[in-house]
N, C-alpha and C. Protein backbone atom coordinates (compact mmCIF):
# COMPACT_ATOMS: atom_id res chain seq x y z
N UNK A 1 108.93 108.43 114.48
CA UNK A 1 108.01 108.57 115.59
C UNK A 1 106.68 107.96 115.18
N UNK A 2 106.11 107.22 116.07
CA UNK A 2 104.79 106.66 115.84
C UNK A 2 103.82 107.35 116.79
N UNK A 3 102.71 107.78 116.25
CA UNK A 3 101.69 108.47 117.03
C UNK A 3 100.41 107.66 116.93
N UNK A 4 99.85 107.29 118.05
CA UNK A 4 98.59 106.56 118.08
C UNK A 4 97.52 107.53 118.56
N UNK A 5 96.48 107.64 117.79
CA UNK A 5 95.41 108.58 118.11
C UNK A 5 94.09 107.83 118.10
N UNK A 6 93.43 107.83 119.23
CA UNK A 6 92.13 107.18 119.33
C UNK A 6 91.05 108.24 119.29
N UNK A 7 89.99 107.96 118.50
CA UNK A 7 88.88 108.90 118.41
C UNK A 7 87.62 108.13 118.04
N UNK A 8 86.48 108.66 118.42
CA UNK A 8 85.22 108.01 118.05
C UNK A 8 85.04 108.02 116.54
N UNK A 9 84.32 107.06 116.05
CA UNK A 9 84.05 107.00 114.60
C UNK A 9 83.38 108.26 114.10
N UNK A 10 82.56 108.89 114.92
CA UNK A 10 81.87 110.11 114.49
C UNK A 10 82.88 111.23 114.20
N UNK A 11 83.97 111.28 114.94
CA UNK A 11 85.00 112.28 114.69
C UNK A 11 85.71 112.00 113.38
N UNK A 12 85.97 110.73 113.12
CA UNK A 12 86.64 110.36 111.88
C UNK A 12 85.85 110.88 110.69
N UNK A 13 84.54 110.74 110.76
CA UNK A 13 83.68 111.21 109.66
C UNK A 13 83.72 112.74 109.56
N UNK A 14 83.65 113.41 110.69
CA UNK A 14 83.68 114.88 110.68
C UNK A 14 84.99 115.42 110.14
N UNK A 15 86.08 114.72 110.42
CA UNK A 15 87.40 115.15 109.96
C UNK A 15 87.74 114.66 108.57
N UNK A 16 86.86 113.89 107.97
CA UNK A 16 87.10 113.39 106.62
C UNK A 16 88.17 112.32 106.57
N UNK A 17 88.27 111.51 107.62
CA UNK A 17 89.27 110.45 107.68
C UNK A 17 88.60 109.11 107.39
N UNK A 18 88.94 108.49 106.28
CA UNK A 18 88.43 107.15 106.04
C UNK A 18 89.50 106.16 106.48
N UNK A 19 89.13 104.94 106.70
CA UNK A 19 90.05 103.94 107.23
C UNK A 19 91.25 103.72 106.32
N UNK A 20 91.07 103.86 105.01
CA UNK A 20 92.13 103.55 104.06
C UNK A 20 93.30 104.54 104.15
N UNK A 21 93.02 105.80 104.37
CA UNK A 21 94.10 106.79 104.36
C UNK A 21 94.04 107.73 105.57
N UNK A 22 93.56 107.24 106.69
CA UNK A 22 93.43 108.09 107.88
C UNK A 22 94.79 108.63 108.32
N UNK A 23 95.81 107.79 108.31
CA UNK A 23 97.13 108.24 108.76
C UNK A 23 97.69 109.33 107.85
N UNK A 24 97.56 109.15 106.55
CA UNK A 24 98.06 110.15 105.60
C UNK A 24 97.32 111.47 105.72
N UNK A 25 96.02 111.39 105.87
CA UNK A 25 95.20 112.61 106.00
C UNK A 25 95.51 113.33 107.31
N UNK A 26 95.67 112.56 108.40
CA UNK A 26 96.01 113.17 109.69
C UNK A 26 97.38 113.84 109.60
N UNK A 27 98.32 113.22 108.91
CA UNK A 27 99.66 113.81 108.72
C UNK A 27 99.53 115.14 107.98
N UNK A 28 98.73 115.13 106.91
CA UNK A 28 98.50 116.37 106.14
C UNK A 28 97.96 117.46 107.04
N UNK A 29 96.97 117.12 107.84
CA UNK A 29 96.34 118.11 108.70
C UNK A 29 97.33 118.69 109.71
N UNK A 30 98.16 117.85 110.30
CA UNK A 30 99.16 118.32 111.27
C UNK A 30 100.20 119.22 110.60
N UNK A 31 100.68 118.81 109.45
CA UNK A 31 101.70 119.59 108.74
C UNK A 31 101.13 120.93 108.29
N UNK A 32 99.91 120.92 107.76
CA UNK A 32 99.31 122.19 107.30
C UNK A 32 99.05 123.14 108.46
N UNK A 33 98.66 122.59 109.62
CA UNK A 33 98.47 123.46 110.79
C UNK A 33 99.80 124.05 111.23
N UNK A 34 100.85 123.27 111.19
CA UNK A 34 102.17 123.78 111.52
C UNK A 34 102.58 124.90 110.57
N UNK A 35 102.22 124.77 109.30
CA UNK A 35 102.52 125.82 108.32
C UNK A 35 101.73 127.08 108.65
N UNK A 36 100.44 126.91 108.96
CA UNK A 36 99.61 128.07 109.33
C UNK A 36 100.21 128.84 110.50
N UNK A 37 100.78 128.10 111.44
CA UNK A 37 101.34 128.71 112.64
C UNK A 37 102.75 129.26 112.41
N UNK A 38 103.28 129.09 111.19
CA UNK A 38 104.58 129.64 110.87
C UNK A 38 105.75 128.78 111.33
N UNK A 39 105.49 127.52 111.68
CA UNK A 39 106.56 126.63 112.13
C UNK A 39 107.25 125.92 110.98
N UNK A 40 106.63 125.87 109.81
CA UNK A 40 107.21 125.18 108.65
C UNK A 40 107.21 126.11 107.45
N UNK A 41 108.20 125.94 106.60
CA UNK A 41 108.23 126.65 105.31
C UNK A 41 107.45 125.81 104.30
N UNK A 42 107.20 126.38 103.15
CA UNK A 42 106.51 125.63 102.09
C UNK A 42 107.36 124.45 101.64
N UNK A 43 108.66 124.65 101.58
CA UNK A 43 109.55 123.56 101.20
C UNK A 43 109.52 122.43 102.22
N UNK A 44 109.45 122.78 103.50
CA UNK A 44 109.36 121.75 104.54
C UNK A 44 108.04 121.00 104.45
N UNK A 45 106.96 121.70 104.13
CA UNK A 45 105.67 121.04 103.95
C UNK A 45 105.78 120.01 102.84
N UNK A 46 106.38 120.40 101.72
CA UNK A 46 106.54 119.47 100.60
C UNK A 46 107.35 118.25 101.04
N UNK A 47 108.45 118.49 101.73
CA UNK A 47 109.31 117.39 102.16
C UNK A 47 108.59 116.46 103.13
N UNK A 48 107.90 117.03 104.11
CA UNK A 48 107.22 116.22 105.12
C UNK A 48 106.11 115.36 104.52
N UNK A 49 105.48 115.87 103.47
CA UNK A 49 104.38 115.13 102.86
C UNK A 49 104.81 114.31 101.65
N UNK A 50 106.10 114.35 101.33
CA UNK A 50 106.60 113.58 100.19
C UNK A 50 106.08 114.09 98.86
N UNK A 51 105.93 115.41 98.75
CA UNK A 51 105.40 116.04 97.54
C UNK A 51 106.47 116.91 96.91
N UNK A 52 106.30 117.19 95.63
CA UNK A 52 107.11 118.20 94.98
C UNK A 52 106.63 119.57 95.45
N UNK A 53 107.47 120.58 95.25
CA UNK A 53 107.12 121.92 95.71
C UNK A 53 105.78 122.39 95.14
N UNK A 54 105.58 122.20 93.84
CA UNK A 54 104.34 122.68 93.21
C UNK A 54 103.13 121.87 93.65
N UNK A 55 103.32 120.58 93.92
CA UNK A 55 102.22 119.78 94.46
C UNK A 55 101.82 120.27 95.85
N UNK A 56 102.82 120.60 96.65
CA UNK A 56 102.54 121.13 97.98
C UNK A 56 101.82 122.47 97.88
N UNK A 57 102.26 123.32 96.96
CA UNK A 57 101.58 124.60 96.73
C UNK A 57 100.11 124.39 96.40
N UNK A 58 99.85 123.44 95.51
CA UNK A 58 98.47 123.14 95.11
C UNK A 58 97.65 122.63 96.29
N UNK A 59 98.25 121.79 97.11
CA UNK A 59 97.55 121.25 98.28
C UNK A 59 97.21 122.36 99.26
N UNK A 60 98.17 123.24 99.55
CA UNK A 60 97.92 124.35 100.46
C UNK A 60 96.82 125.26 99.91
N UNK A 61 96.87 125.53 98.64
CA UNK A 61 95.84 126.37 98.01
C UNK A 61 94.47 125.70 98.06
N UNK A 62 94.44 124.41 97.76
CA UNK A 62 93.18 123.65 97.76
C UNK A 62 92.49 123.74 99.12
N UNK A 63 93.28 123.71 100.19
CA UNK A 63 92.72 123.73 101.54
C UNK A 63 92.68 125.14 102.13
N UNK A 64 93.03 126.14 101.34
CA UNK A 64 92.96 127.52 101.81
C UNK A 64 93.91 127.82 102.95
N UNK A 65 95.06 127.15 102.93
CA UNK A 65 96.02 127.32 104.01
C UNK A 65 96.94 128.48 103.68
N UNK A 66 96.96 129.47 104.56
CA UNK A 66 97.83 130.61 104.39
C UNK A 66 98.63 130.82 105.65
N UNK A 67 99.85 131.23 105.48
CA UNK A 67 100.70 131.53 106.63
C UNK A 67 100.51 132.99 106.96
N UNK A 68 100.24 133.27 108.20
CA UNK A 68 100.04 134.65 108.62
C UNK A 68 101.40 135.36 108.73
N UNK A 69 101.47 136.59 108.25
CA UNK A 69 102.74 137.32 108.34
C UNK A 69 103.09 137.61 109.81
N UNK A 70 104.37 137.65 110.08
CA UNK A 70 104.82 137.99 111.44
C UNK A 70 104.71 139.50 111.63
N UNK A 71 104.81 139.94 112.87
CA UNK A 71 104.77 141.36 113.16
C UNK A 71 105.90 142.08 112.44
N UNK A 72 107.07 141.46 112.42
CA UNK A 72 108.24 142.06 111.77
C UNK A 72 107.99 142.22 110.27
N UNK A 73 107.37 141.22 109.64
CA UNK A 73 107.08 141.31 108.21
C UNK A 73 106.07 142.42 107.93
N UNK A 74 105.05 142.54 108.77
CA UNK A 74 104.07 143.61 108.59
C UNK A 74 104.71 144.99 108.79
N UNK A 75 105.57 145.08 109.78
CA UNK A 75 106.26 146.34 110.05
C UNK A 75 107.15 146.73 108.87
N UNK A 76 107.88 145.76 108.31
CA UNK A 76 108.75 146.03 107.16
C UNK A 76 107.92 146.46 105.95
N UNK A 77 106.77 145.82 105.75
CA UNK A 77 105.90 146.21 104.64
C UNK A 77 105.40 147.63 104.80
N UNK A 78 105.05 147.99 106.04
CA UNK A 78 104.59 149.35 106.32
C UNK A 78 105.69 150.37 106.05
N UNK A 79 106.92 150.04 106.42
CA UNK A 79 108.04 150.95 106.17
C UNK A 79 108.27 151.13 104.68
N UNK A 80 108.17 150.04 103.92
CA UNK A 80 108.33 150.12 102.47
C UNK A 80 107.24 150.99 101.85
N UNK A 81 106.02 150.82 102.33
CA UNK A 81 104.89 151.61 101.82
C UNK A 81 105.09 153.09 102.15
N UNK A 82 105.50 153.39 103.37
CA UNK A 82 105.73 154.79 103.76
C UNK A 82 106.84 155.41 102.90
N UNK A 83 107.90 154.64 102.67
CA UNK A 83 109.00 155.15 101.84
C UNK A 83 108.54 155.41 100.42
N UNK A 84 107.69 154.54 99.89
CA UNK A 84 107.18 154.71 98.52
C UNK A 84 106.27 155.93 98.41
N UNK A 85 105.49 156.18 99.47
CA UNK A 85 104.57 157.32 99.45
C UNK A 85 105.32 158.65 99.59
N UNK A 86 106.44 158.64 100.28
CA UNK A 86 107.23 159.86 100.48
C UNK A 86 107.98 160.22 99.21
N UNK A 87 108.36 159.23 98.43
CA UNK A 87 109.17 159.47 97.23
C UNK A 87 108.44 160.29 96.21
């Protein structure tokens, strides 16, 4: 898939996109946002960006990208905590 994105030069500067690697940086931003939203796993992030798993981990950490837990994951954690407190 080819995606053409037009934007003013001022936006390019604000987004940290230089002419040399604008496409790669934009790809990173899209993939990381998908990860934040829970649409991609860490392994998929690595694959989409052509990185090894640990390189992808470092990139996500560098940019402070965290995946928010789902309601089900939070509920399961709460149940585990309640069970541990009752024991």
